[in-house]
PDB file of N, CA and C in Angstrom:
ATOM      1  N   MET A   1     -11.104 176.402  36.153  1.00  0.00           N
ATOM      2  CA  MET A   1     -10.369 177.516  37.103  1.00  0.00           C
ATOM      3  C   MET A   1     -10.024 176.111  37.803  1.00  0.00           C
ATOM      4  N   TRP A   2      -8.345 176.559  37.700  1.00  0.00           N
ATOM      5  CA  TRP A   2      -7.165 175.574  38.679  1.00  0.00           C
ATOM      6  C   TRP A   2      -6.626 175.646  39.934  1.00  0.00           C
ATOM      7  N   VAL A   3      -6.626 175.218  40.974  1.00  0.00           N
ATOM      8  CA  VAL A   3      -5.779 175.425  42.198  1.00  0.00           C
ATOM      9  C   VAL A   3      -4.618 174.447  42.372  1.00  0.00           C
ATOM     10  N   GLU A   4      -3.699 175.454  43.108  1.00  0.00           N
ATOM     11  CA  GLU A   4      -2.738 174.352  43.885  1.00  0.00           C
ATOM     12  C   GLU A   4      -2.895 173.404  44.423  1.00  0.00           C
ATOM     13  N   TYR A   5      -2.613 171.939  43.978  1.00  0.00           N
ATOM     14  CA  TYR A   5      -2.982 171.240  45.190  1.00  0.00           C
ATOM     15  C   TYR A   5      -1.349 170.477  45.821  1.00  0.00           C
ATOM     16  N   LYS A   6      -0.586 170.493  44.933  1.00  0.00           N
ATOM     17  CA  LYS A   6       0.584 169.897  45.884  1.00  0.00           C
ATOM     18  C   LYS A   6       1.983 170.703  45.291  1.00  0.00           C
ATOM     19  N   ARG A   7       2.850 170.963  45.809  1.00  0.00           N
ATOM     20  CA  ARG A   7       4.166 171.420  45.822  1.00  0.00           C
ATOM     21  C   ARG A   7       4.981 170.600  45.783  1.00  0.00           C
ATOM     22  N   THR A   8       6.208 170.506  44.308  1.00  0.00           N
ATOM     23  CA  THR A   8       7.395 169.398  44.650  1.00  0.00           C
ATOM     24  C   THR A   8       8.561 170.103  44.249  1.00  0.00           C
ATOM     25  N   LYS A   9       9.189 169.482  44.548  1.00  0.00           N
ATOM     26  CA  LYS A   9      10.970 169.695  44.549  1.00  0.00           C
ATOM     27  C   LYS A   9      11.366 169.689  43.497  1.00  0.00           C
ATOM     28  N   THR A  10      11.190 168.768  42.372  1.00  0.00           N
ATOM     29  CA  THR A  10      11.568 168.731  41.184  1.00  0.00           C
ATOM     30  C   THR A  10      10.308 168.341  40.190  1.00  0.00           C
ATOM     31  N   LEU A  11      10.902 168.444  38.620  1.00  0.00           N
ATOM     32  CA  LEU A  11       9.907 168.107  37.282  1.00  0.00           C
ATOM     33  C   LEU A  11       9.905 166.933  37.554  1.00  0.00           C
ATOM     34  N   LYS A  12      10.477 166.307  37.787  1.00  0.00           N
ATOM     35  CA  LYS A  12      10.443 164.580  37.291  1.00  0.00           C
ATOM     36  C   LYS A  12       9.168 164.244  38.733  1.00  0.00           C
ATOM     37  N   ILE A  13       9.236 164.515  39.909  1.00  0.00           N
ATOM     38  CA  ILE A  13       8.557 164.719  40.665  1.00  0.00           C
ATOM     39  C   ILE A  13       6.933 164.808  40.399  1.00  0.00           C
ATOM     40  N   ALA A  14       6.885 166.497  40.013  1.00  0.00           N
ATOM     41  CA  ALA A  14       5.337 166.672  39.609  1.00  0.00           C
ATOM     42  C   ALA A  14       5.041 165.797  38.386  1.00  0.00           C
ATOM     43  N   GLU A  15       6.109 165.278  37.351  1.00  0.00           N
ATOM     44  CA  GLU A  15       4.737 164.542  36.041  1.00  0.00           C
ATOM     45  C   GLU A  15       4.948 163.133  37.245  1.00  0.00           C
ATOM     46  N   SER A  16       5.512 162.620  37.845  1.00  0.00           N
ATOM     47  CA  SER A  16       4.901 161.326  38.689  1.00  0.00           C
ATOM     48  C   SER A  16       3.266 161.475  39.330  1.00  0.00           C
ATOM     49  N   TRP A  17       2.917 162.707  40.024  1.00  0.00           N
ATOM     50  CA  TRP A  17       1.900 163.348  40.679  1.00  0.00           C
ATOM     51  C   TRP A  17       0.938 163.432  39.541  1.00  0.00           C
ATOM     52  N   LYS A  18       1.627 164.166  38.443  1.00  0.00           N
ATOM     53  CA  LYS A  18       0.116 164.560  37.401  1.00  0.00           C
ATOM     54  C   LYS A  18      -0.215 163.118  36.690  1.00  0.00           C
ATOM     55  N   ASN A  19       0.714 162.196  36.508  1.00  0.00           N
ATOM     56  CA  ASN A  19       0.040 161.031  35.351  1.00  0.00           C
ATOM     57  C   ASN A  19      -0.396 159.925  36.891  1.00  0.00           C
ATOM     58  N   LEU A  20      -0.202 160.071  37.826  1.00  0.00           N
ATOM     59  CA  LEU A  20      -1.101 159.232  38.976  1.00  0.00           C
ATOM     60  C   LEU A  20      -2.407 159.772  38.798  1.00  0.00           C
ATOM     61  N   LEU A  21      -2.795 161.236  39.009  1.00  0.00           N
ATOM     62  CA  LEU A  21      -4.339 161.680  39.213  1.00  0.00           C
ATOM     63  C   LEU A  21      -4.399 161.938  37.872  1.00  0.00           C
ATOM     64  N   ASP A  22      -3.807 161.948  36.577  1.00  0.00           N
ATOM     65  CA  ASP A  22      -4.617 161.526  35.334  1.00  0.00           C
ATOM     66  C   ASP A  22      -4.723 160.272  35.267  1.00  0.00           C
ATOM     67  N   GLY A  23      -4.373 159.553  35.390  1.00  0.00           N
ATOM     68  CA  GLY A  23      -4.600 157.933  35.399  1.00  0.00           C
ATOM     69  C   GLY A  23      -5.490 157.739  35.884  1.00  0.00           C
ATOM     70  N   GLU A  24      -5.937 158.250  37.170  1.00  0.00           N
ATOM     71  CA  GLU A  24      -7.013 157.798  37.844  1.00  0.00           C
ATOM     72  C   GLU A  24      -8.237 158.526  37.023  1.00  0.00           C
ATOM     73  N   GLY A  25      -8.428 159.312  36.323  1.00  0.00           N
ATOM     74  CA  GLY A  25      -9.284 160.264  35.524  1.00  0.00           C
ATOM     75  C   GLY A  25      -9.487 161.400  36.165  1.00  0.00           C
ATOM     76  N   LEU A  26      -8.684 162.194  36.881  1.00  0.00           N
ATOM     77  CA  LEU A  26      -8.598 163.754  37.361  1.00  0.00           C
ATOM     78  C   LEU A  26      -8.188 164.440  36.746  1.00  0.00           C
ATOM     79  N   PRO A  27      -8.000 165.084  35.770  1.00  0.00           N
ATOM     80  CA  PRO A  27      -7.005 166.189  34.909  1.00  0.00           C
ATOM     81  C   PRO A  27      -6.255 166.730  36.067  1.00  0.00           C
ATOM     82  N   ALA A  28      -4.917 167.170  35.943  1.00  0.00           N
ATOM     83  CA  ALA A  28      -4.026 167.556  36.652  1.00  0.00           C
ATOM     84  C   ALA A  28      -2.902 168.790  35.739  1.00  0.00           C
ATOM     85  N   LYS A  29      -2.004 169.653  36.021  1.00  0.00           N
ATOM     86  CA  LYS A  29      -1.387 170.182  35.703  1.00  0.00           C
ATOM     87  C   LYS A  29      -0.306 170.563  35.909  1.00  0.00           C
ATOM     88  N   ILE A  30       0.931 171.356  35.729  1.00  0.00           N
ATOM     89  CA  ILE A  30       2.109 171.224  36.784  1.00  0.00           C
ATOM     90  C   ILE A  30       2.685 172.414  35.810  1.00  0.00           C
ATOM     91  N   LEU A  31       2.858 173.538  36.381  1.00  0.00           N
ATOM     92  CA  LEU A  31       3.542 174.679  36.670  1.00  0.00           C
ATOM     93  C   LEU A  31       4.472 175.291  37.140  1.00  0.00           C
ATOM     94  N   PRO A  32       5.660 175.829  37.221  1.00  0.00           N
ATOM     95  CA  PRO A  32       6.907 175.979  37.851  1.00  0.00           C
ATOM     96  C   PRO A  32       6.267 177.072  39.204  1.00  0.00           C
ATOM     97  N   VAL A  33       7.018 176.478  40.102  1.00  0.00           N
ATOM     98  CA  VAL A  33       6.874 178.011  41.100  1.00  0.00           C
ATOM     99  C   VAL A  33       7.700 179.272  40.692  1.00  0.00           C
ATOM    100  N   GLY A  34       6.934 180.673  40.356  1.00  0.00           N
ATOM    101  CA  GLY A  34       7.854 181.629  40.078  1.00  0.00           C
ATOM    102  C   GLY A  34       6.979 181.618  38.469  1.00  0.00           C
ATOM    103  N   ASP A  35       8.569 182.094  37.926  1.00  0.00           N
ATOM    104  CA  ASP A  35       8.241 182.532  36.243  1.00  0.00           C
ATOM    105  C   ASP A  35       7.694 181.332  35.592  1.00  0.00           C
ATOM    106  N   ILE A  36       7.101 181.270  34.943  1.00  0.00           N
ATOM    107  CA  ILE A  36       6.670 180.236  33.840  1.00  0.00           C
ATOM    108  C   ILE A  36       8.055 179.770  32.772  1.00  0.00           C
ATOM    109  N   LEU A  37       8.966 181.021  32.744  1.00  0.00           N
ATOM    110  CA  LEU A  37      10.260 180.585  31.895  1.00  0.00           C
ATOM    111  C   LEU A  37      11.524 179.979  32.986  1.00  0.00           C
ATOM    112  N   ASP A  38      11.070 179.820  34.221  1.00  0.00           N
ATOM    113  CA  ASP A  38      12.056 178.818  34.798  1.00  0.00           C
ATOM    114  C   ASP A  38      11.787 177.345  34.611  1.00  0.00           C
ATOM    115  N   TRP A  39      10.822 176.968  33.587  1.00  0.00           N
ATOM    116  CA  TRP A  39      10.912 175.233  33.229  1.00  0.00           C
ATOM    117  C   TRP A  39      12.089 174.959  33.307  1.00  0.00           C
ATOM    118  N   ALA A  40      12.275 174.117  34.293  1.00  0.00           N
ATOM    119  CA  ALA A  40      14.004 173.397  34.351  1.00  0.00           C
ATOM    120  C   ALA A  40      13.574 171.835  35.125  1.00  0.00           C
ATOM    121  N   GLU A  41      14.333 170.834  34.918  1.00  0.00           N
ATOM    122  CA  GLU A  41      14.599 169.693  35.912  1.00  0.00           C
ATOM    123  C   GLU A  41      14.393 170.007  37.222  1.00  0.00           C
ATOM    124  N   ASP A  42      15.408 171.125  37.776  1.00  0.00           N
ATOM    125  CA  ASP A  42      15.683 170.791  39.482  1.00  0.00           C
ATOM    126  C   ASP A  42      14.832 172.393  39.997  1.00  0.00           C
ATOM    127  N   VAL A  43      14.005 172.861  39.373  1.00  0.00           N
ATOM    128  CA  VAL A  43      13.379 173.914  40.138  1.00  0.00           C
ATOM    129  C   VAL A  43      12.069 173.436  40.857  1.00  0.00           C
ATOM    130  N   PRO A  44      11.277 174.176  41.973  1.00  0.00           N
ATOM    131  CA  PRO A  44      10.232 174.034  42.508  1.00  0.00           C
ATOM    132  C   PRO A  44       8.882 173.200  41.320  1.00  0.00           C
ATOM    133  N   PHE A  45       7.945 172.805  41.478  1.00  0.00           N
ATOM    134  CA  PHE A  45       6.847 172.735  40.709  1.00  0.00           C
ATOM    135  C   PHE A  45       5.267 172.580  41.242  1.00  0.00           C
ATOM    136  N   MET A  46       4.367 173.061  41.025  1.00  0.00           N
ATOM    137  CA  MET A  46       3.171 173.190  41.837  1.00  0.00           C
ATOM    138  C   MET A  46       2.550 172.088  41.011  1.00  0.00           C
ATOM    139  N   VAL A  47       1.371 171.491  41.322  1.00  0.00           N
ATOM    140  CA  VAL A  47       0.619 170.709  40.892  1.00  0.00           C
ATOM    141  C   VAL A  47      -0.679 171.055  40.969  1.00  0.00           C
ATOM    142  N   MET A  48      -1.478 171.115  39.909  1.00  0.00           N
ATOM    143  CA  MET A  48      -2.836 171.984  39.566  1.00  0.00           C
ATOM    144  C   MET A  48      -3.930 171.048  39.219  1.00  0.00           C
ATOM    145  N   VAL A  49      -4.986 171.109  40.277  1.00  0.00           N
ATOM    146  CA  VAL A  49      -6.591 170.409  39.895  1.00  0.00           C
ATOM    147  C   VAL A  49      -7.309 171.300  39.568  1.00  0.00           C
ATOM    148  N   PRO A  50      -8.484 170.696  39.417  1.00  0.00           N
ATOM    149  CA  PRO A  50      -9.461 171.622  38.764  1.00  0.00           C
ATOM    150  C   PRO A  50      -9.717 172.210  40.629  1.00  0.00           C
ATOM    151  N   LYS A  51     -10.541 173.372  40.462  1.00  0.00           N
ATOM    152  CA  LYS A  51     -10.770 173.764  41.657  1.00  0.00           C
ATOM    153  C   LYS A  51     -12.339 173.142  42.001  1.00  0.00           C
ATOM    154  N   GLY A  52     -12.463 172.891  43.362  1.00  0.00           N
ATOM    155  CA  GLY A  52     -13.521 171.979  43.691  1.00  0.00           C
ATOM    156  C   GLY A  52     -13.526 170.535  43.577  1.00  0.00           C
ATOM    157  N   ARG A  53     -11.887 169.785  43.126  1.00  0.00           N
ATOM    158  CA  ARG A  53     -12.087 168.760  43.200  1.00  0.00           C
ATOM    159  C   ARG A  53     -11.022 168.078  43.914  1.00  0.00           C
ATOM    160  N   GLU A  54     -10.441 168.911  44.243  1.00  0.00           N
ATOM    161  CA  GLU A  54      -9.300 168.727  45.805  1.00  0.00           C
ATOM    162  C   GLU A  54      -9.621 167.320  46.450  1.00  0.00           C
ATOM    163  N   HIS A  55     -10.845 167.566  46.911  1.00  0.00           N
ATOM    164  CA  HIS A  55     -11.395 166.168  47.226  1.00  0.00           C
ATOM    165  C   HIS A  55     -10.743 164.572  46.846  1.00  0.00           C
ATOM    166  N   VAL A  56     -11.109 164.785  45.583  1.00  0.00           N
ATOM    167  CA  VAL A  56     -10.996 163.809  44.469  1.00  0.00           C
ATOM    168  C   VAL A  56      -9.725 163.442  44.430  1.00  0.00           C
ATOM    169  N   ALA A  57      -8.492 164.440  44.591  1.00  0.00           N
ATOM    170  CA  ALA A  57      -7.349 163.997  44.592  1.00  0.00           C
ATOM    171  C   ALA A  57      -6.840 163.290  45.906  1.00  0.00           C
ATOM    172  N   ASP A  58      -7.732 163.982  46.793  1.00  0.00           N
ATOM    173  CA  ASP A  58      -6.949 163.328  48.225  1.00  0.00           C
ATOM    174  C   ASP A  58      -7.624 161.914  48.413  1.00  0.00           C
ATOM    175  N   GLU A  59      -8.609 161.295  47.893  1.00  0.00           N
ATOM    176  CA  GLU A  59      -9.171 159.974  47.541  1.00  0.00           C
ATOM    177  C   GLU A  59      -8.344 159.361  47.038  1.00  0.00           C
ATOM    178  N   ILE A  60      -7.525 159.685  45.894  1.00  0.00           N
ATOM    179  CA  ILE A  60      -6.917 158.665  45.114  1.00  0.00           C
ATOM    180  C   ILE A  60      -5.594 158.386  45.996  1.00  0.00           C
ATOM    181  N   ILE A  61      -4.706 159.939  46.506  1.00  0.00           N
ATOM    182  CA  ILE A  61      -3.590 159.314  47.261  1.00  0.00           C
ATOM    183  C   ILE A  61      -3.923 158.657  48.615  1.00  0.00           C
ATOM    184  N   ARG A  62      -5.204 158.533  49.121  1.00  0.00           N
ATOM    185  CA  ARG A  62      -5.307 157.933  49.828  1.00  0.00           C
ATOM    186  C   ARG A  62      -5.652 156.398  49.612  1.00  0.00           C
ATOM    187  N   LYS A  63      -5.863 156.195  48.606  1.00  0.00           N
ATOM    188  CA  LYS A  63      -6.001 154.776  48.094  1.00  0.00           C
ATOM    189  C   LYS A  63      -4.669 154.272  48.276  1.00  0.00           C
ATOM    190  N   LEU A  64      -3.175 154.898  47.910  1.00  0.00           N
ATOM    191  CA  LEU A  64      -2.374 154.441  47.573  1.00  0.00           C
ATOM    192  C   LEU A  64      -1.710 153.463  48.820  1.00  0.00           C
TER     193      LEU A  64
END
């Protein structure tokens, strides 16, 4: 089960967050806000992490 962790304004920013979390060993997914067919560079995106692992994402971001 995946939960929304962060919202971003563009695909590029969402990919950056995903790469950061993946690089630290926490799986992450990105999905456009709203309809999945809206996948484009300039639409808002959600960064998703596994349910119950939000605190791990917090720790990764805190290390920055």
